[in-house]
Amino acid sequence: MEREPLRRGGDNQRRCIDSVLSHLQRILNTRQGNVPIADDYGVPDFLDFLQTYPESVHEIERNIRNAIDKYEPRLSGASVTYVPDEEDALTLRFQIIASLTMEGGRKVFFETVVDTDGRIRISK
């Protein structure tokens, strides 16, 4: 009889989410056209979009969602939503909600922050 099978499942789920988080970090910090995998791997340079902020927010949301849909197969049904930060108007914050394709379709939540240098930090 296996000892503490539920605990092991939790570890597997945590490892899966951590792996997805790490991969999202890689995808969203790769500029399209900069890797031999595919010309559209990654996202456009968001610094270009900041020149037309706040009109460009929906385009940034769409680009993040498209990158997730195409290059992170462990997530499905991703929604990306801009979350205004009234205390720091220069910070672009987005919430990602998606379902894990494994783990019974469990919903996962990530927050992304686009720094002023265009780098993206992701946390769970």
N, C-alpha and C. Protein backbone atom coordinates (compact mmCIF):
# COMPACT_ATOMS: atom_id res chain seq x y z
N MET A 1 0.85 -1.19 0.00
CA MET A 1 0.00 0.00 0.00
C MET A 1 0.89 1.25 0.00
N GLU A 2 0.57 2.20 -0.85
CA GLU A 2 1.38 3.40 -0.97
C GLU A 2 1.14 4.32 0.22
N ARG A 3 2.24 4.88 0.73
CA ARG A 3 2.11 5.80 1.87
C ARG A 3 1.84 7.20 1.37
N GLU A 4 0.84 7.84 1.92
CA GLU A 4 0.47 9.22 1.63
C GLU A 4 0.36 9.52 0.13
N PRO A 5 -0.51 8.83 -0.59
CA PRO A 5 -0.61 9.06 -2.03
C PRO A 5 -1.08 10.48 -2.37
N LEU A 6 -1.91 11.08 -1.53
CA LEU A 6 -2.38 12.43 -1.82
C LEU A 6 -1.26 13.44 -1.74
N ARG A 7 -0.35 13.22 -0.83
CA ARG A 7 0.78 14.13 -0.69
C ARG A 7 1.64 14.09 -1.96
N ARG A 8 1.87 12.88 -2.48
CA ARG A 8 2.66 12.76 -3.69
C ARG A 8 1.97 13.47 -4.85
N GLY A 9 0.65 13.35 -4.95
CA GLY A 9 -0.09 14.03 -6.01
C GLY A 9 0.07 15.53 -5.91
N GLY A 10 0.07 16.06 -4.70
CA GLY A 10 0.26 17.50 -4.50
C GLY A 10 1.63 17.94 -4.96
N ASP A 11 2.64 17.10 -4.68
CA ASP A 11 4.00 17.42 -5.14
C ASP A 11 4.06 17.44 -6.66
N ASN A 12 3.41 16.46 -7.30
CA ASN A 12 3.40 16.41 -8.76
C ASN A 12 2.71 17.64 -9.34
N GLN A 13 1.60 18.03 -8.73
CA GLN A 13 0.87 19.20 -9.20
C GLN A 13 1.71 20.46 -9.02
N ARG A 14 2.36 20.59 -7.90
CA ARG A 14 3.21 21.75 -7.63
C ARG A 14 4.37 21.81 -8.63
N ARG A 15 4.97 20.64 -8.90
CA ARG A 15 6.06 20.59 -9.88
C ARG A 15 5.57 20.97 -11.27
N CYS A 16 4.39 20.51 -11.62
CA CYS A 16 3.80 20.84 -12.92
C CYS A 16 3.57 22.34 -13.03
N ILE A 17 2.98 22.95 -12.02
CA ILE A 17 2.71 24.39 -12.05
C ILE A 17 4.03 25.17 -12.09
N ASP A 18 5.01 24.74 -11.31
CA ASP A 18 6.32 25.40 -11.33
C ASP A 18 6.97 25.30 -12.71
N SER A 19 6.83 24.14 -13.36
CA SER A 19 7.38 23.95 -14.70
C SER A 19 6.68 24.86 -15.71
N VAL A 20 5.35 24.95 -15.62
CA VAL A 20 4.59 25.84 -16.50
C VAL A 20 5.03 27.28 -16.26
N LEU A 21 5.16 27.67 -15.02
CA LEU A 21 5.58 29.03 -14.67
C LEU A 21 6.95 29.34 -15.29
N SER A 22 7.87 28.41 -15.15
CA SER A 22 9.22 28.59 -15.71
C SER A 22 9.17 28.73 -17.23
N HIS A 23 8.35 27.90 -17.87
CA HIS A 23 8.24 27.96 -19.33
C HIS A 23 7.57 29.26 -19.78
N LEU A 24 6.55 29.70 -19.06
CA LEU A 24 5.91 30.98 -19.40
C LEU A 24 6.90 32.13 -19.28
N GLN A 25 7.73 32.08 -18.25
CA GLN A 25 8.75 33.11 -18.06
C GLN A 25 9.66 33.15 -19.30
N ARG A 26 10.05 31.97 -19.78
CA ARG A 26 10.93 31.88 -20.95
C ARG A 26 10.22 32.40 -22.20
N ILE A 27 8.98 31.96 -22.42
CA ILE A 27 8.23 32.39 -23.61
C ILE A 27 8.05 33.90 -23.62
N LEU A 28 7.56 34.45 -22.51
CA LEU A 28 7.19 35.86 -22.48
C LEU A 28 8.39 36.81 -22.43
N ASN A 29 9.57 36.28 -22.16
CA ASN A 29 10.78 37.11 -22.18
C ASN A 29 11.62 36.86 -23.42
N THR A 30 11.05 36.13 -24.38
CA THR A 30 11.71 35.92 -25.66
C THR A 30 11.03 36.81 -26.69
N ARG A 31 11.80 37.58 -27.40
CA ARG A 31 11.25 38.45 -28.44
C ARG A 31 11.10 37.66 -29.73
N GLN A 32 9.95 37.80 -30.37
CA GLN A 32 9.70 37.08 -31.61
C GLN A 32 10.81 37.35 -32.62
N GLY A 33 11.20 36.28 -33.32
CA GLY A 33 12.25 36.40 -34.32
C GLY A 33 13.66 36.21 -33.78
N ASN A 34 13.80 35.97 -32.47
CA ASN A 34 15.13 35.86 -31.86
C ASN A 34 15.58 34.44 -31.58
N VAL A 35 14.77 33.43 -31.88
CA VAL A 35 15.16 32.04 -31.63
C VAL A 35 14.88 31.20 -32.87
N PRO A 36 15.70 30.15 -33.09
CA PRO A 36 15.51 29.33 -34.29
C PRO A 36 14.30 28.40 -34.23
N ILE A 37 13.66 28.26 -33.07
CA ILE A 37 12.50 27.36 -32.93
C ILE A 37 11.42 27.74 -33.95
N ALA A 38 11.03 29.00 -33.93
CA ALA A 38 9.99 29.51 -34.83
C ALA A 38 10.04 31.04 -34.78
N ASP A 39 9.72 31.67 -35.91
CA ASP A 39 9.75 33.13 -35.95
C ASP A 39 8.76 33.78 -35.00
N ASP A 40 7.65 33.06 -34.70
CA ASP A 40 6.64 33.66 -33.83
C ASP A 40 6.72 33.18 -32.39
N TYR A 41 7.79 32.45 -32.04
CA TYR A 41 7.96 32.02 -30.64
C TYR A 41 8.27 33.25 -29.79
N GLY A 42 7.54 33.41 -28.71
CA GLY A 42 7.73 34.56 -27.82
C GLY A 42 6.68 35.62 -28.06
N VAL A 43 7.02 36.83 -27.72
CA VAL A 43 6.10 37.97 -27.87
C VAL A 43 6.85 39.13 -28.52
N PRO A 44 6.11 40.07 -29.11
CA PRO A 44 6.77 41.26 -29.64
C PRO A 44 7.40 42.06 -28.50
N ASP A 45 8.24 42.99 -28.84
CA ASP A 45 8.86 43.86 -27.84
C ASP A 45 7.79 44.82 -27.33
N PHE A 46 7.41 44.66 -26.05
CA PHE A 46 6.34 45.48 -25.49
C PHE A 46 6.74 46.94 -25.32
N LEU A 47 8.01 47.24 -25.36
CA LEU A 47 8.42 48.65 -25.27
C LEU A 47 7.85 49.43 -26.45
N ASP A 48 7.71 48.78 -27.61
CA ASP A 48 7.10 49.44 -28.76
C ASP A 48 5.64 49.79 -28.48
N PHE A 49 4.95 48.91 -27.76
CA PHE A 49 3.53 49.13 -27.44
C PHE A 49 3.36 50.24 -26.41
N LEU A 50 4.36 50.42 -25.56
CA LEU A 50 4.23 51.41 -24.50
C LEU A 50 4.12 52.83 -25.05
N GLN A 51 4.58 53.03 -26.27
CA GLN A 51 4.48 54.36 -26.88
C GLN A 51 3.02 54.74 -27.15
N THR A 52 2.17 53.75 -27.30
CA THR A 52 0.75 54.02 -27.56
C THR A 52 -0.14 53.61 -26.39
N TYR A 53 0.46 53.41 -25.22
CA TYR A 53 -0.29 53.08 -24.02
C TYR A 53 -1.22 54.23 -23.69
N PRO A 54 -2.44 54.04 -23.26
CA PRO A 54 -3.11 52.80 -22.87
C PRO A 54 -3.85 52.10 -24.00
N GLU A 55 -3.84 52.67 -25.21
CA GLU A 55 -4.57 52.05 -26.32
C GLU A 55 -4.03 50.66 -26.66
N SER A 56 -2.77 50.40 -26.37
CA SER A 56 -2.13 49.15 -26.77
C SER A 56 -2.36 48.00 -25.78
N VAL A 57 -3.03 48.25 -24.67
CA VAL A 57 -3.20 47.22 -23.64
C VAL A 57 -3.87 45.96 -24.20
N HIS A 58 -4.91 46.12 -25.01
CA HIS A 58 -5.62 44.96 -25.55
C HIS A 58 -4.73 44.16 -26.50
N GLU A 59 -3.85 44.84 -27.21
CA GLU A 59 -2.93 44.15 -28.11
C GLU A 59 -1.89 43.35 -27.32
N ILE A 60 -1.44 43.90 -26.21
CA ILE A 60 -0.50 43.17 -25.35
C ILE A 60 -1.20 41.94 -24.78
N GLU A 61 -2.43 42.10 -24.28
CA GLU A 61 -3.20 40.95 -23.77
C GLU A 61 -3.30 39.86 -24.84
N ARG A 62 -3.63 40.26 -26.05
CA ARG A 62 -3.81 39.31 -27.15
C ARG A 62 -2.49 38.59 -27.47
N ASN A 63 -1.37 39.33 -27.48
CA ASN A 63 -0.08 38.72 -27.77
C ASN A 63 0.33 37.71 -26.70
N ILE A 64 0.09 38.04 -25.45
CA ILE A 64 0.41 37.10 -24.36
C ILE A 64 -0.44 35.85 -24.49
N ARG A 65 -1.74 36.03 -24.70
CA ARG A 65 -2.66 34.90 -24.84
C ARG A 65 -2.28 34.01 -26.03
N ASN A 66 -1.95 34.61 -27.17
CA ASN A 66 -1.57 33.84 -28.35
C ASN A 66 -0.31 33.02 -28.11
N ALA A 67 0.68 33.61 -27.42
CA ALA A 67 1.92 32.89 -27.13
C ALA A 67 1.64 31.69 -26.21
N ILE A 68 0.78 31.89 -25.22
CA ILE A 68 0.43 30.79 -24.32
C ILE A 68 -0.32 29.70 -25.08
N ASP A 69 -1.31 30.09 -25.87
CA ASP A 69 -2.11 29.11 -26.62
C ASP A 69 -1.24 28.28 -27.56
N LYS A 70 -0.27 28.90 -28.19
CA LYS A 70 0.53 28.20 -29.18
C LYS A 70 1.69 27.40 -28.57
N TYR A 71 2.32 27.92 -27.52
CA TYR A 71 3.57 27.33 -27.05
C TYR A 71 3.56 26.76 -25.64
N GLU A 72 2.42 26.78 -24.96
CA GLU A 72 2.34 26.11 -23.65
C GLU A 72 1.14 25.17 -23.67
N PRO A 73 1.35 23.94 -24.19
CA PRO A 73 0.24 23.00 -24.36
C PRO A 73 -0.33 22.47 -23.04
N ARG A 74 0.33 22.71 -21.93
CA ARG A 74 -0.21 22.25 -20.64
C ARG A 74 -1.29 23.17 -20.11
N LEU A 75 -1.50 24.31 -20.79
CA LEU A 75 -2.57 25.24 -20.40
C LEU A 75 -3.60 25.31 -21.51
N SER A 76 -4.85 25.46 -21.13
CA SER A 76 -5.91 25.65 -22.12
C SER A 76 -6.86 26.74 -21.63
N GLY A 77 -7.55 27.36 -22.59
CA GLY A 77 -8.55 28.37 -22.25
C GLY A 77 -7.98 29.56 -21.52
N ALA A 78 -6.77 29.97 -21.88
CA ALA A 78 -6.12 31.08 -21.18
C ALA A 78 -6.86 32.40 -21.42
N SER A 79 -7.05 33.14 -20.34
CA SER A 79 -7.54 34.52 -20.47
C SER A 79 -6.48 35.42 -19.84
N VAL A 80 -6.26 36.55 -20.48
CA VAL A 80 -5.25 37.50 -20.02
C VAL A 80 -5.96 38.83 -19.84
N THR A 81 -5.87 39.39 -18.64
CA THR A 81 -6.59 40.61 -18.31
C THR A 81 -5.66 41.63 -17.71
N TYR A 82 -5.72 42.84 -18.24
CA TYR A 82 -4.95 43.96 -17.70
C TYR A 82 -5.50 44.34 -16.34
N VAL A 83 -4.61 44.54 -15.37
CA VAL A 83 -5.00 44.94 -14.02
C VAL A 83 -4.32 46.27 -13.73
N PRO A 84 -5.06 47.38 -13.80
CA PRO A 84 -4.45 48.69 -13.57
C PRO A 84 -3.84 48.78 -12.17
N ASP A 85 -2.71 49.44 -12.08
CA ASP A 85 -2.04 49.66 -10.80
C ASP A 85 -2.06 51.17 -10.54
N GLU A 86 -2.99 51.60 -9.70
CA GLU A 86 -3.18 53.02 -9.45
C GLU A 86 -1.99 53.65 -8.74
N GLU A 87 -1.22 52.83 -8.00
CA GLU A 87 -0.07 53.37 -7.28
C GLU A 87 1.16 53.52 -8.17
N ASP A 88 1.22 52.75 -9.24
CA ASP A 88 2.37 52.80 -10.14
C ASP A 88 1.86 52.74 -11.58
N ALA A 89 1.61 53.91 -12.15
CA ALA A 89 1.04 53.99 -13.49
C ALA A 89 2.00 53.48 -14.56
N LEU A 90 3.29 53.37 -14.26
CA LEU A 90 4.27 52.90 -15.24
C LEU A 90 4.39 51.38 -15.29
N THR A 91 3.73 50.70 -14.36
CA THR A 91 3.79 49.24 -14.32
C THR A 91 2.58 48.67 -15.05
N LEU A 92 2.85 47.73 -15.96
CA LEU A 92 1.77 47.01 -16.63
C LEU A 92 1.63 45.66 -15.96
N ARG A 93 0.46 45.40 -15.43
CA ARG A 93 0.18 44.16 -14.70
C ARG A 93 -0.94 43.42 -15.41
N PHE A 94 -0.74 42.12 -15.61
CA PHE A 94 -1.75 41.29 -16.25
C PHE A 94 -1.98 40.04 -15.42
N GLN A 95 -3.23 39.60 -15.38
CA GLN A 95 -3.57 38.36 -14.70
C GLN A 95 -3.85 37.32 -15.78
N ILE A 96 -3.25 36.14 -15.62
CA ILE A 96 -3.48 35.02 -16.52
C ILE A 96 -4.26 33.96 -15.75
N ILE A 97 -5.38 33.55 -16.31
CA ILE A 97 -6.16 32.46 -15.74
C ILE A 97 -6.29 31.42 -16.84
N ALA A 98 -5.97 30.17 -16.50
CA ALA A 98 -6.05 29.09 -17.49
C ALA A 98 -6.34 27.79 -16.76
N SER A 99 -6.63 26.76 -17.52
CA SER A 99 -6.83 25.42 -16.97
C SER A 99 -5.64 24.56 -17.33
N LEU A 100 -5.18 23.78 -16.36
CA LEU A 100 -4.14 22.80 -16.66
C LEU A 100 -4.77 21.69 -17.47
N THR A 101 -4.16 21.30 -18.56
CA THR A 101 -4.74 20.24 -19.38
C THR A 101 -4.65 18.90 -18.66
N MET A 102 -3.71 18.78 -17.73
CA MET A 102 -3.66 17.60 -16.88
C MET A 102 -4.20 18.03 -15.51
N GLU A 103 -4.09 17.22 -14.53
CA GLU A 103 -4.57 17.55 -13.18
C GLU A 103 -6.07 17.86 -13.18
N GLY A 104 -6.82 17.23 -14.07
CA GLY A 104 -8.27 17.38 -14.07
C GLY A 104 -8.76 18.75 -14.48
N GLY A 105 -7.97 19.50 -15.22
CA GLY A 105 -8.38 20.81 -15.69
C GLY A 105 -8.40 21.88 -14.62
N ARG A 106 -7.61 21.69 -13.57
CA ARG A 106 -7.56 22.64 -12.46
C ARG A 106 -7.20 24.04 -12.97
N LYS A 107 -7.91 25.05 -12.47
CA LYS A 107 -7.63 26.44 -12.82
C LYS A 107 -6.35 26.90 -12.13
N VAL A 108 -5.54 27.65 -12.86
CA VAL A 108 -4.33 28.23 -12.29
C VAL A 108 -4.34 29.73 -12.58
N PHE A 109 -3.72 30.47 -11.68
CA PHE A 109 -3.68 31.93 -11.78
C PHE A 109 -2.22 32.37 -11.73
N PHE A 110 -1.85 33.25 -12.64
CA PHE A 110 -0.52 33.83 -12.64
C PHE A 110 -0.67 35.34 -12.79
N GLU A 111 0.27 36.05 -12.24
CA GLU A 111 0.30 37.50 -12.42
C GLU A 111 1.59 37.84 -13.14
N THR A 112 1.49 38.69 -14.14
CA THR A 112 2.67 39.13 -14.86
C THR A 112 2.82 40.63 -14.65
N VAL A 113 4.07 41.05 -14.59
CA VAL A 113 4.38 42.47 -14.48
C VAL A 113 5.40 42.79 -15.56
N VAL A 114 5.08 43.76 -16.42
CA VAL A 114 6.02 44.21 -17.44
C VAL A 114 6.81 45.36 -16.85
N ASP A 115 8.12 45.17 -16.68
CA ASP A 115 8.98 46.22 -16.13
C ASP A 115 9.18 47.33 -17.15
N THR A 116 9.71 48.44 -16.69
CA THR A 116 9.96 49.57 -17.60
C THR A 116 11.01 49.25 -18.64
N ASP A 117 11.81 48.20 -18.42
CA ASP A 117 12.80 47.80 -19.44
C ASP A 117 12.24 46.74 -20.38
N GLY A 118 10.96 46.38 -20.23
CA GLY A 118 10.32 45.43 -21.12
C GLY A 118 10.39 43.98 -20.65
N ARG A 119 11.11 43.69 -19.59
CA ARG A 119 11.18 42.31 -19.06
C ARG A 119 9.87 41.99 -18.35
N ILE A 120 9.53 40.71 -18.37
CA ILE A 120 8.27 40.28 -17.77
C ILE A 120 8.58 39.33 -16.61
N ARG A 121 8.01 39.66 -15.45
CA ARG A 121 8.11 38.78 -14.28
C ARG A 121 6.76 38.09 -14.12
N ILE A 122 6.81 36.83 -13.78
CA ILE A 122 5.57 36.06 -13.59
C ILE A 122 5.61 35.44 -12.20
N SER A 123 4.49 35.49 -11.52
CA SER A 123 4.39 34.85 -10.20
C SER A 123 3.06 34.12 -10.13
N LYS A 124 2.99 33.17 -9.19
CA LYS A 124 1.74 32.42 -9.04
C LYS A 124 1.06 32.83 -7.78
